[in-house]
Amino acid sequence: MKTFRAALLATALALPLGSVAAYAATPADALVIAQNIDDIVALDPAQAYEFTSGEINTNVYDRLVQYEAEDTTTLVGGLASEWVADDAAKTITFTLRDGATFASGNPVRPEDVLFSFKRVVTLNLTPAFILTQLGWTPENIDAMVTIADGKVVVKYEGDFSSAFVLNVLAARPASIVDEVLVSQHVEGDDWGNAWLNTNSAGSGPFVLTDYRPAEIVRLTANPTYFKGAPAMASVIIRHVAEAATQQLLLTSGDVDIAKNLTPDQIAGLPADTVKVETYPQAAVHFLSFNQKEESLTPPAVWEAARYLVDYDGMTQSFLKGQMEIHQAFWPKGFPGSYDETPFTYDVAKAKQILADAGITTPIDVTLDVINATPFTDMAQSLQATFAEAGINFEILPGTGAQVITKYRERTHQAMLLYWGPDFMDPHSNAKAFAYNSNNADDNYTATTTWRNAWAVPEELNAKVTAALAEPDQAKRNEAYIEIQKEAQASSPIVIMFQAALTIAMANNVEGYVNGATSDFVYYRLVTKQ
């Protein structure tokens, strides 16, 4: 049987790692993962924009400030030991951590920070917008990021606070690379981009030592990491596209973690050797009403709608393991999230709300939805439950492009969609769900508020603007919680669920951390008991 299994794995995966495949269980100092990694386009943090790329970047690079595996909700110093913000002057001065080194052994210098930011802005690849929103350009970057007395001074432009800037600098493209090492691998004017797409030059807990597209990523522990070397000497991520093969590898002991199993496969795993963990993800799923449709403008319709969603029924059946109930616009697991879920499926209450407001039923509404699971299943559930209160949905399925185009044109009536933040700052979603200062048709804005033609009350607009400018992060988080409460109580956008990721792993694996985005996947604390 053991010989048959080895032959099967060799045939299915063409494993070049004979030493790993030969074990009945994976090595004690190696974490082996089965995962679909064919989404990787780039690994250079100046270019990487895919899910798996973010996971790799987080484990091989540090930033000046970052969110750590020990607490993914608190921003702490990474390569910066301390910083001083001057909101009036729009500057932040960073002091680098004493003795910090790259995995190459080269010291981390202020010059590396400038080099890292400059190459992102100059290359201007997909994630560059995250940094350029600070007012940085190839022409002014040397004036916006300067070195003084061995420290790094970051300048920014815009009506936002230093707390917002710090979250920007905790994002993936703000990873600090080793200028000395990267400069040895520059080709023409590529700033080392080609080399960094198959190698790493970071100071993080791991080093990228092998990458073969759609085959393998191998990370090796960095013994000089400033928080100490990881317990796992290596992390091996195998590209396994087929969920059934991932299941076989996990149950046979040839991998420690399987990341892409179906709900049915999850349900069939042996509990004595495998455990299953569910992690909230960043995307929130919502039902929204276009305010150009007169029958959908009364706030009583918005309120009643919140009691016509069968939250439990969906998450306990066809959405099980894929979504969890979440009713605020900022995802659970992010700083500043509001996680209370006050609404439940209550047809009688919804009917009473409509009756008290003098709303005449039936109300006939078209509901646009992406023609794919689980969206069509969600739409059918909403159709059934809303009909109980006299709100009749005509489901209009379409391709993702068709549905989103209609949404952008504000020609829908009701819409079932989802939304995810570009980086970890509550303003990324607050501007989408609770801000709209110009509702004119010719003022296209990529927000759910504008796309639903909701002229957000000026008081709520002002709260969003004030939160963006608040320099104290704790106070900002409190402000965003209050904004979420207000939008949750009265808005034509009914937030229902947050996506969830279900991962299966061997029972002896401890310390794996999977936050709300791929940038929050950490292997540094993993041990095997």
Protein backbone atom coordinates (compact mmCIF):
# COMPACT_ATOMS: atom_id res chain seq x y z
CA MET A 1 0.00 0.00 0.00
CA LYS A 2 2.81 2.42 0.84
CA THR A 3 4.47 1.69 -2.51
CA PHE A 4 1.17 2.25 -4.34
CA ARG A 5 0.65 5.57 -2.58
CA ALA A 6 4.12 6.81 -3.45
CA ALA A 7 3.56 5.87 -7.08
CA LEU A 8 0.19 7.58 -7.12
CA LEU A 9 1.60 10.80 -5.69
CA ALA A 10 4.52 10.78 -8.10
CA THR A 11 2.16 10.36 -11.03
CA ALA A 12 -0.35 12.97 -9.85
CA LEU A 13 2.09 15.65 -8.79
CA ALA A 14 5.43 14.82 -10.42
CA LEU A 15 6.98 15.47 -7.02
CA PRO A 16 10.67 16.36 -7.26
CA LEU A 17 10.97 16.21 -3.48
CA GLY A 18 11.66 12.54 -2.98
CA SER A 19 12.67 13.00 0.64
CA VAL A 20 9.28 14.54 1.46
CA ALA A 21 7.20 12.04 -0.51
CA ALA A 22 8.89 9.10 1.23
CA TYR A 23 7.60 10.03 4.68
CA ALA A 24 4.43 8.44 6.05
CA ALA A 25 4.09 11.81 7.78
CA THR A 26 5.72 15.08 6.86
CA PRO A 27 9.08 15.98 8.47
CA ALA A 28 8.81 17.44 11.97
CA ASP A 29 10.52 20.67 10.95
CA ALA A 30 8.71 21.20 7.63
CA LEU A 31 5.20 22.48 6.98
CA VAL A 32 3.87 21.01 3.74
CA ILE A 33 0.80 22.57 2.15
CA ALA A 34 -1.43 21.52 -0.74
CA GLN A 35 -2.80 24.62 -2.42
CA ASN A 36 -3.82 25.97 -5.80
CA ILE A 37 -1.07 28.54 -6.49
CA ASP A 38 -1.54 29.09 -10.20
CA ASP A 39 -2.83 32.61 -9.54
CA ILE A 40 0.72 33.89 -9.01
CA VAL A 41 1.69 36.43 -11.65
CA ALA A 42 4.46 38.15 -9.72
CA LEU A 43 6.29 37.86 -6.39
CA ASP A 44 8.10 41.20 -6.45
CA PRO A 45 6.22 43.30 -3.85
CA ALA A 46 6.28 46.17 -6.35
CA GLN A 47 4.16 44.06 -8.70
CA ALA A 48 2.52 41.27 -6.68
CA TYR A 49 -1.25 41.65 -6.55
CA GLU A 50 -2.58 38.09 -6.33
CA PHE A 51 -3.80 36.16 -3.30
CA THR A 52 -0.93 33.67 -3.13
CA SER A 53 1.62 36.41 -3.88
CA GLY A 54 0.40 38.34 -0.85
CA GLU A 55 0.81 35.29 1.36
CA ILE A 56 4.41 34.79 0.20
CA ASN A 57 5.29 38.49 0.54
CA THR A 58 4.01 38.62 4.11
CA ASN A 59 6.31 35.79 5.12
CA VAL A 60 9.51 37.00 3.45
CA TYR A 61 9.33 40.80 3.83
CA ASP A 62 8.91 43.29 6.64
CA ARG A 63 7.49 46.80 6.45
CA LEU A 64 8.20 49.84 8.58
CA VAL A 65 4.97 49.12 10.44
CA GLN A 66 2.90 45.98 10.14
CA TYR A 67 0.28 43.66 11.59
CA GLU A 68 1.77 40.59 13.21
CA ALA A 69 0.77 36.95 13.61
CA GLU A 70 0.39 37.41 17.38
CA ASP A 71 -2.30 40.06 16.88
CA THR A 72 -3.62 40.82 13.40
CA THR A 73 -5.72 43.72 14.72
CA THR A 74 -2.97 45.96 16.12
CA LEU A 75 -0.48 47.94 14.06
CA VAL A 76 3.03 47.63 15.51
CA GLY A 77 6.58 48.42 14.57
CA GLY A 78 8.20 46.20 12.00
CA LEU A 79 11.53 47.51 10.79
CA ALA A 80 10.73 50.76 12.56
CA SER A 81 11.19 50.65 16.32
CA GLU A 82 9.37 53.94 16.77
CA TRP A 83 7.87 56.81 14.81
CA VAL A 84 6.73 60.37 15.40
CA ALA A 85 3.84 61.78 13.41
CA ASP A 86 3.33 65.48 12.74
CA ASP A 87 -0.14 65.80 11.25
CA ALA A 88 0.18 69.55 10.81
CA ALA A 89 3.33 69.17 8.72
CA LYS A 90 2.04 65.92 7.16
CA THR A 91 5.20 64.00 8.01
CA ILE A 92 6.07 60.82 9.89
CA THR A 93 9.64 60.27 11.10
CA PHE A 94 10.68 56.63 11.49
CA THR A 95 13.55 55.29 13.57
CA LEU A 96 14.77 51.95 12.30
CA ARG A 97 15.17 48.98 14.59
CA ASP A 98 18.71 48.59 15.95
CA GLY A 99 20.60 45.67 14.47
CA ALA A 100 17.93 44.73 11.94
CA THR A 101 19.38 42.80 9.00
CA PHE A 102 18.15 41.34 5.78
CA ALA A 103 18.31 37.57 5.34
CA SER A 104 21.39 38.23 3.18
CA GLY A 105 23.20 39.58 6.24
CA ASN A 106 23.16 43.13 4.92
CA PRO A 107 22.02 45.71 7.49
CA VAL A 108 18.65 47.38 7.03
CA ARG A 109 19.40 51.05 6.29
CA PRO A 110 17.27 54.15 5.71
CA GLU A 111 18.55 54.01 2.13
CA ASP A 112 16.79 50.67 1.68
CA VAL A 113 13.48 52.26 2.64
CA LEU A 114 13.88 55.06 0.11
CA PHE A 115 14.98 52.58 -2.55
CA SER A 116 11.99 50.31 -1.87
CA PHE A 117 9.41 53.08 -2.11
CA LYS A 118 11.09 54.70 -5.09
CA ARG A 119 11.13 51.50 -7.13
CA VAL A 120 7.41 50.91 -6.51
CA VAL A 121 6.48 54.43 -7.61
CA THR A 122 8.87 54.40 -10.58
CA LEU A 123 7.89 50.95 -11.86
CA ASN A 124 4.24 51.97 -11.44
CA LEU A 125 2.92 48.41 -11.60
CA THR A 126 -0.49 47.22 -10.38
CA PRO A 127 -0.26 47.89 -6.60
CA ALA A 128 1.61 51.21 -6.95
CA PHE A 129 -1.62 53.19 -6.48
CA ILE A 130 -1.62 52.27 -2.81
CA LEU A 131 1.53 54.36 -2.29
CA THR A 132 0.93 57.01 -4.94
CA GLN A 133 -2.30 58.08 -3.22
CA LEU A 134 0.05 59.73 -0.70
CA GLY A 135 0.97 62.22 -3.40
CA TRP A 136 4.14 60.42 -4.42
CA THR A 137 5.37 60.51 -8.00
CA PRO A 138 8.62 59.46 -9.70
CA GLU A 139 9.46 63.15 -9.93
CA ASN A 140 8.94 64.03 -6.26
CA ILE A 141 9.67 60.79 -4.40
CA ASP A 142 13.17 61.93 -3.39
CA ALA A 143 11.59 64.94 -1.70
CA MET A 144 8.71 62.99 -0.17
CA VAL A 145 10.86 60.26 1.39
CA THR A 146 14.07 61.63 2.84
CA ILE A 147 16.86 60.52 5.16
CA ALA A 148 17.84 62.73 8.08
CA ASP A 149 20.14 61.81 10.97
CA GLY A 150 19.84 58.14 10.13
CA LYS A 151 16.04 58.27 10.19
CA VAL A 152 13.43 58.12 7.44
CA VAL A 153 11.07 61.06 7.05
CA VAL A 154 7.92 60.32 5.07
CA LYS A 155 5.87 63.22 3.71
CA TYR A 156 2.38 62.96 2.30
CA GLU A 157 -0.28 65.10 0.67
CA GLY A 158 -4.03 64.84 1.10
CA ASP A 159 -6.82 65.44 3.59
CA PHE A 160 -6.11 62.45 5.74
CA SER A 161 -4.32 61.67 8.95
CA SER A 162 -1.02 60.02 9.72
CA ALA A 163 -3.00 57.04 11.06
CA PHE A 164 -4.30 56.44 7.55
CA VAL A 165 -0.76 56.81 6.15
CA LEU A 166 0.52 54.22 8.60
CA ASN A 167 -2.02 51.70 7.30
CA VAL A 168 -0.91 52.49 3.76
CA LEU A 169 2.70 51.84 4.79
CA ALA A 170 1.64 48.49 6.27
CA ALA A 171 0.40 47.34 2.84
CA ARG A 172 2.18 44.92 0.54
CA PRO A 173 3.90 47.39 -1.84
CA ALA A 174 5.50 49.09 1.16
CA SER A 175 7.64 46.01 1.83
CA ILE A 176 11.31 46.88 2.35
CA VAL A 177 13.80 45.20 0.01
CA ASP A 178 17.58 44.88 0.27
CA GLU A 179 18.96 47.56 -2.09
CA VAL A 180 22.47 46.11 -2.09
CA LEU A 181 21.29 42.65 -3.07
CA VAL A 182 18.62 43.76 -5.56
CA SER A 183 21.03 46.15 -7.29
CA GLN A 184 23.21 43.18 -8.18
CA HIS A 185 20.37 41.76 -10.26
CA VAL A 186 19.08 44.77 -12.17
CA GLU A 187 18.43 44.24 -15.86
CA GLY A 188 18.23 47.48 -17.81
CA ASP A 189 15.73 49.77 -16.10
CA ASP A 190 13.73 47.00 -14.37
CA TRP A 191 14.92 47.83 -10.81
CA GLY A 192 15.55 44.12 -10.26
CA ASN A 193 11.92 43.25 -11.03
CA ALA A 194 12.66 40.11 -13.07
CA TRP A 195 14.96 38.71 -10.39
CA LEU A 196 12.57 39.50 -7.52
CA ASN A 197 9.80 37.61 -9.24
CA THR A 198 11.64 34.34 -8.58
CA ASN A 199 13.77 35.32 -5.57
CA SER A 200 13.43 37.35 -2.40
CA ALA A 201 15.44 40.13 -0.79
CA GLY A 202 13.68 40.67 2.49
CA SER A 203 14.24 40.67 6.22
CA GLY A 204 11.21 38.56 7.11
CA PRO A 205 10.99 35.22 8.93
CA PHE A 206 11.44 33.22 5.73
CA VAL A 207 13.47 33.34 2.52
CA LEU A 208 12.15 32.31 -0.88
CA THR A 209 14.53 29.55 -1.95
CA ASP A 210 12.57 27.86 -4.72
CA TYR A 211 9.73 28.98 -6.95
CA ARG A 212 8.50 27.11 -9.97
CA PRO A 213 5.26 28.47 -11.46
CA ALA A 214 2.23 26.23 -10.93
CA GLU A 215 4.47 23.68 -9.20
CA ILE A 216 6.12 24.72 -5.93
CA VAL A 217 7.02 27.51 -3.54
CA ARG A 218 9.65 26.68 -0.95
CA LEU A 219 10.39 29.01 1.95
CA THR A 220 13.38 28.48 4.24
CA ALA A 221 13.56 29.86 7.78
CA ASN A 222 15.60 33.03 8.32
CA PRO A 223 17.72 32.30 11.42
CA THR A 224 18.46 36.00 11.96
CA TYR A 225 14.85 37.20 12.03
CA PHE A 226 14.49 39.90 14.66
CA LYS A 227 11.67 38.06 16.43
CA GLY A 228 13.56 34.77 16.35
CA ALA A 229 13.81 31.98 13.83
CA PRO A 230 10.56 30.14 13.00
CA ALA A 231 10.10 26.64 14.40
CA MET A 232 9.59 25.29 10.89
CA ALA A 233 12.87 25.05 9.00
CA SER A 234 10.92 25.13 5.76
CA VAL A 235 7.46 25.73 4.36
CA ILE A 236 6.71 23.84 1.14
CA ILE A 237 3.63 24.91 -0.80
CA ARG A 238 2.72 22.35 -3.46
CA HIS A 239 0.55 23.39 -6.39
CA VAL A 240 -2.36 20.95 -6.26
CA ALA A 241 -5.27 22.20 -8.34
CA GLU A 242 -7.62 19.26 -7.74
CA ALA A 243 -9.47 19.33 -4.43
CA ALA A 244 -9.76 15.54 -4.43
CA THR A 245 -6.00 15.18 -4.67
CA GLN A 246 -5.55 17.68 -1.83
CA GLN A 247 -7.90 15.56 0.27
CA LEU A 248 -5.94 12.39 -0.51
CA LEU A 249 -2.63 14.02 0.38
CA LEU A 250 -3.97 15.32 3.67
CA THR A 251 -5.63 12.11 4.82
CA SER A 252 -2.61 10.01 3.82
CA GLY A 253 -0.26 12.23 5.84
CA ASP A 254 1.72 13.58 2.90
CA VAL A 255 0.75 17.21 3.54
CA ASP A 256 -0.06 19.07 6.72
CA ILE A 257 -2.59 21.56 5.33
CA ALA A 258 -5.11 21.48 2.46
CA LYS A 259 -6.52 24.87 1.53
CA ASN A 260 -8.99 24.30 -1.29
CA LEU A 261 -11.32 21.50 -0.22
CA THR A 262 -15.03 21.56 -1.04
CA PRO A 263 -17.66 21.59 1.75
CA ASP A 264 -18.49 17.94 1.00
CA GLN A 265 -14.83 16.94 1.28
CA ILE A 266 -14.49 18.92 4.50
CA ALA A 267 -17.47 17.05 5.95
CA GLY A 268 -15.90 13.69 5.09
CA LEU A 269 -12.52 14.22 6.76
CA PRO A 270 -11.47 11.87 9.59
CA ALA A 271 -11.75 13.78 12.87
CA ASP A 272 -9.12 11.64 14.60
CA THR A 273 -6.30 12.90 12.37
CA VAL A 274 -7.60 16.12 10.79
CA LYS A 275 -9.09 19.33 12.16
CA VAL A 276 -10.96 22.05 10.32
CA GLU A 277 -10.64 25.77 10.97
CA THR A 278 -12.78 28.56 9.50
CA TYR A 279 -11.30 32.02 8.98
CA PRO A 280 -13.30 35.17 8.12
CA GLN A 281 -12.24 36.80 4.87
CA ALA A 282 -12.41 40.43 3.78
CA ALA A 283 -15.26 40.37 1.25
CA VAL A 284 -18.69 41.41 2.52
CA HIS A 285 -21.83 40.37 0.62
CA PHE A 286 -24.82 42.69 0.42
CA LEU A 287 -28.23 43.39 -1.04
CA SER A 288 -28.75 46.98 -2.19
CA PHE A 289 -31.63 49.10 -3.44
CA ASN A 290 -31.28 51.75 -6.14
CA GLN A 291 -32.72 55.02 -4.87
CA LYS A 292 -33.77 55.95 -8.39
CA GLU A 293 -36.57 53.42 -7.89
CA GLU A 294 -39.30 55.27 -5.97
CA SER A 295 -40.75 52.18 -4.29
CA LEU A 296 -37.35 51.45 -2.71
CA THR A 297 -36.69 54.89 -1.22
CA PRO A 298 -38.65 54.69 2.07
CA PRO A 299 -36.31 53.89 5.01
CA ALA A 300 -39.00 51.51 6.27
CA VAL A 301 -38.32 49.30 3.21
CA TRP A 302 -34.61 49.26 4.09
CA GLU A 303 -35.38 48.36 7.71
CA ALA A 304 -37.89 45.66 6.84
CA ALA A 305 -35.43 44.14 4.37
CA ARG A 306 -32.99 43.50 7.19
CA TYR A 307 -35.55 41.17 8.80
CA LEU A 308 -36.35 39.34 5.57
CA VAL A 309 -32.95 37.74 5.06
CA ASP A 310 -32.73 34.15 6.25
CA TYR A 311 -29.19 34.55 7.58
CA ASP A 312 -29.09 31.30 9.55
CA GLY A 313 -30.87 29.28 6.90
CA MET A 314 -28.33 30.19 4.22
CA THR A 315 -25.17 29.91 6.33
CA GLN A 316 -26.26 26.56 7.74
CA SER A 317 -27.03 25.06 4.34
CA PHE A 318 -25.58 26.01 0.94
CA LEU A 319 -23.30 28.74 2.35
CA LYS A 320 -21.90 26.57 5.12
CA GLY A 321 -18.13 26.99 5.32
CA GLN A 322 -18.21 29.74 2.68
CA MET A 323 -19.78 32.66 4.51
CA GLU A 324 -20.69 33.74 8.01
CA ILE A 325 -23.23 36.27 9.22
CA HIS A 326 -21.82 39.79 9.29
CA GLN A 327 -23.93 42.94 9.10
CA ALA A 328 -21.46 45.84 9.00
CA PHE A 329 -19.37 47.15 6.12
CA TRP A 330 -15.90 46.67 7.65
CA PRO A 331 -14.90 42.99 7.84
CA LYS A 332 -14.57 41.11 11.08
CA GLY A 333 -10.92 40.53 11.95
CA PHE A 334 -9.84 44.03 10.88
CA PRO A 335 -9.14 46.85 13.36
CA GLY A 336 -12.25 48.99 13.69
CA SER A 337 -14.71 46.25 12.78
CA TYR A 338 -18.19 46.21 14.27
CA ASP A 339 -19.23 42.61 14.75
CA GLU A 340 -22.69 42.84 16.30
CA THR A 341 -25.45 41.15 14.26
CA PRO A 342 -28.75 42.61 15.52
CA PHE A 343 -30.94 41.44 12.62
CA THR A 344 -32.56 38.03 12.32
CA TYR A 345 -35.13 36.53 9.97
CA ASP A 346 -38.46 37.80 11.32
CA VAL A 347 -41.26 38.11 8.74
CA ALA A 348 -43.83 39.32 11.28
CA LYS A 349 -41.58 42.17 12.37
CA ALA A 350 -40.84 43.13 8.76
CA LYS A 351 -44.56 43.23 7.95
CA GLN A 352 -45.24 45.39 10.99
CA ILE A 353 -42.47 47.85 10.00
CA LEU A 354 -43.99 48.22 6.54
CA ALA A 355 -47.53 48.55 7.90
CA ASP A 356 -46.55 51.17 10.49
CA ALA A 357 -44.92 53.24 7.77
CA GLY A 358 -47.96 52.97 5.51
CA ILE A 359 -46.03 51.12 2.80
CA THR A 360 -48.33 49.60 0.19
CA THR A 361 -47.50 46.07 -0.92
CA PRO A 362 -46.85 44.20 -3.10
CA ILE A 363 -43.64 45.83 -4.29
CA ASP A 364 -42.29 44.30 -7.49
CA VAL A 365 -38.50 44.60 -7.91
CA THR A 366 -35.92 43.18 -10.29
CA LEU A 367 -32.86 41.65 -8.60
CA ASP A 368 -29.62 41.48 -10.58
CA VAL A 369 -27.26 38.65 -9.65
CA ILE A 370 -24.14 36.99 -11.02
CA ASN A 371 -25.18 33.76 -12.73
CA ALA A 372 -23.02 31.43 -10.64
CA THR A 373 -23.16 29.61 -7.34
CA PRO A 374 -23.60 30.55 -4.58
CA PHE A 375 -25.04 33.87 -5.81
CA THR A 376 -28.02 32.37 -7.64
CA ASP A 377 -28.81 30.23 -4.57
CA MET A 378 -28.69 33.34 -2.39
CA ALA A 379 -30.99 35.18 -4.80
CA GLN A 380 -33.54 32.36 -4.71
CA SER A 381 -33.50 32.37 -0.91
CA LEU A 382 -34.09 36.13 -0.87
CA GLN A 383 -36.85 35.77 -3.43
CA ALA A 384 -38.67 33.27 -1.20
CA THR A 385 -38.31 35.12 2.09
CA PHE A 386 -39.02 38.65 0.80
CA ALA A 387 -42.18 37.39 -0.90
CA GLU A 388 -43.52 36.54 2.57
CA ALA A 389 -43.76 40.29 3.25
CA GLY A 390 -45.02 41.27 -0.20
CA ILE A 391 -41.69 42.26 -1.77
CA ASN A 392 -41.42 40.27 -4.97
CA PHE A 393 -38.04 39.82 -6.61
CA GLU A 394 -37.71 39.00 -10.30
CA ILE A 395 -34.24 37.48 -10.54
CA LEU A 396 -32.13 38.72 -13.47
CA PRO A 397 -28.99 36.55 -13.76
CA GLY A 398 -26.05 37.77 -15.81
CA THR A 399 -22.31 37.44 -16.19
CA GLY A 400 -20.13 39.24 -13.68
CA ALA A 401 -19.27 41.86 -16.30
CA GLN A 402 -22.92 42.42 -17.21
CA VAL A 403 -24.03 42.76 -13.60
CA ILE A 404 -21.22 45.08 -12.57
CA THR A 405 -21.64 47.24 -15.69
CA LYS A 406 -25.33 47.67 -14.90
CA TYR A 407 -24.42 48.55 -11.31
CA ARG A 408 -21.93 51.19 -12.44
CA GLU A 409 -24.57 52.68 -14.74
CA ARG A 410 -27.13 52.83 -11.89
CA THR A 411 -29.74 51.12 -14.08
CA HIS A 412 -30.57 48.25 -11.69
CA GLN A 413 -33.35 48.16 -9.12
CA ALA A 414 -32.01 45.71 -6.52
CA MET A 415 -28.52 44.22 -6.65
CA LEU A 416 -26.82 41.24 -4.98
CA LEU A 417 -23.05 41.72 -4.90
CA TYR A 418 -19.92 41.73 -2.74
CA TRP A 419 -17.13 44.19 -1.88
CA GLY A 420 -13.59 43.93 -0.55
CA PRO A 421 -11.08 46.55 0.66
CA ASP A 422 -7.92 47.45 -1.25
CA PHE A 423 -5.83 47.65 1.92
CA MET A 424 -6.28 47.51 5.65
CA ASP A 425 -7.82 50.81 6.65
CA PRO A 426 -11.50 51.28 7.55
CA HIS A 427 -11.75 54.26 5.20
CA SER A 428 -11.33 51.86 2.28
CA ASN A 429 -14.88 50.62 2.95
CA ALA A 430 -16.34 53.64 4.74
CA LYS A 431 -16.02 55.71 1.58
CA ALA A 432 -17.81 52.90 -0.30
CA PHE A 433 -20.72 52.32 2.09
CA ALA A 434 -21.19 55.54 4.06
CA TYR A 435 -20.02 58.48 1.94
CA ASN A 436 -21.45 60.21 -1.13
CA SER A 437 -21.13 63.98 -1.27
CA ASN A 438 -22.14 64.33 -4.92
CA ASN A 439 -24.94 62.10 -6.14
CA ALA A 440 -25.13 63.55 -9.66
CA ASP A 441 -25.40 61.10 -12.54
CA ASP A 442 -22.35 62.58 -14.23
CA ASN A 443 -20.17 62.22 -11.11
CA TYR A 444 -19.24 58.55 -11.49
CA THR A 445 -17.78 57.24 -8.23
CA ALA A 446 -16.66 53.68 -7.51
CA THR A 447 -18.71 53.31 -4.35
CA THR A 448 -21.83 51.38 -3.47
CA THR A 449 -23.49 54.57 -2.23
CA TRP A 450 -23.18 56.40 -5.56
CA ARG A 451 -24.01 53.29 -7.59
CA ASN A 452 -27.25 52.95 -5.61
CA ALA A 453 -27.94 56.69 -6.03
CA TRP A 454 -28.04 57.12 -2.26
CA ALA A 455 -27.44 60.74 -1.31
CA VAL A 456 -25.78 60.05 2.04
CA PRO A 457 -26.90 62.47 4.78
CA GLU A 458 -24.41 65.29 5.23
CA GLU A 459 -23.98 64.40 8.89
CA LEU A 460 -22.76 60.92 7.97
CA ASN A 461 -20.52 62.30 5.21
CA ALA A 462 -18.97 64.62 7.78
CA LYS A 463 -18.31 61.74 10.17
CA VAL A 464 -16.49 59.79 7.44
CA THR A 465 -14.37 62.83 6.57
CA ALA A 466 -13.54 63.45 10.23
CA ALA A 467 -12.57 59.82 10.80
CA LEU A 468 -10.18 59.93 7.84
CA ALA A 469 -8.45 62.96 9.33
CA GLU A 470 -8.30 61.66 12.93
CA PRO A 471 -4.61 61.13 13.86
CA ASP A 472 -5.21 58.75 16.77
CA GLN A 473 -5.79 55.23 15.46
CA ALA A 474 -7.77 54.09 18.50
CA LYS A 475 -10.10 57.05 18.17
CA ARG A 476 -10.36 56.42 14.42
CA ASN A 477 -11.43 52.83 15.07
CA GLU A 478 -14.08 54.05 17.52
CA ALA A 479 -15.31 56.58 14.96
CA TYR A 480 -15.60 53.92 12.26
CA ILE A 481 -17.54 51.66 14.61
CA GLU A 482 -20.05 54.45 15.15
CA ILE A 483 -20.26 55.05 11.40
CA GLN A 484 -20.92 51.35 10.86
CA LYS A 485 -23.67 51.34 13.46
CA GLU A 486 -25.37 54.26 11.74
CA ALA A 487 -25.07 52.74 8.26
CA GLN A 488 -26.21 49.38 9.60
CA ALA A 489 -29.36 50.91 11.09
CA SER A 490 -30.45 53.03 8.14
CA SER A 491 -29.10 52.53 4.64
CA PRO A 492 -30.42 51.09 1.36
CA ILE A 493 -27.46 48.69 1.47
CA VAL A 494 -28.19 45.56 3.51
CA ILE A 495 -24.95 43.83 4.47
CA MET A 496 -25.59 40.16 5.17
CA PHE A 497 -22.46 38.04 5.14
CA GLN A 498 -18.71 37.97 5.22
CA ALA A 499 -16.84 35.43 3.15
CA ALA A 500 -15.12 32.66 5.07
CA LEU A 501 -12.25 30.33 4.25
CA THR A 502 -12.32 26.78 5.57
CA ILE A 503 -8.92 25.10 5.87
CA ALA A 504 -8.21 21.52 6.90
CA MET A 505 -4.99 20.57 8.66
CA ALA A 506 -3.38 17.73 10.54
CA ASN A 507 -4.26 17.64 14.22
CA ASN A 508 -0.65 18.17 15.27
CA VAL A 509 -0.34 21.55 13.50
CA GLU A 510 -0.56 24.52 15.87
CA GLY A 511 0.02 28.24 15.45
CA TYR A 512 -1.17 28.69 11.87
CA VAL A 513 -2.64 32.18 11.43
CA ASN A 514 -4.95 33.13 8.56
CA GLY A 515 -6.34 36.64 8.76
CA ALA A 516 -9.00 38.29 6.65
CA THR A 517 -6.78 38.70 3.58
CA SER A 518 -3.93 36.75 2.03
CA ASP A 519 -1.58 39.42 3.38
CA PHE A 520 -2.43 38.10 6.83
CA VAL A 521 -1.33 34.49 6.40
CA TYR A 522 1.52 33.71 8.79
CA TYR A 523 3.71 30.62 9.16
CA ARG A 524 6.18 32.01 11.69
CA LEU A 525 4.36 30.64 14.76
CA VAL A 526 3.59 27.18 13.37
CA THR A 527 4.71 24.19 15.41
CA LYS A 528 3.98 20.48 15.25
CA GLN A 529 3.00 18.82 18.47
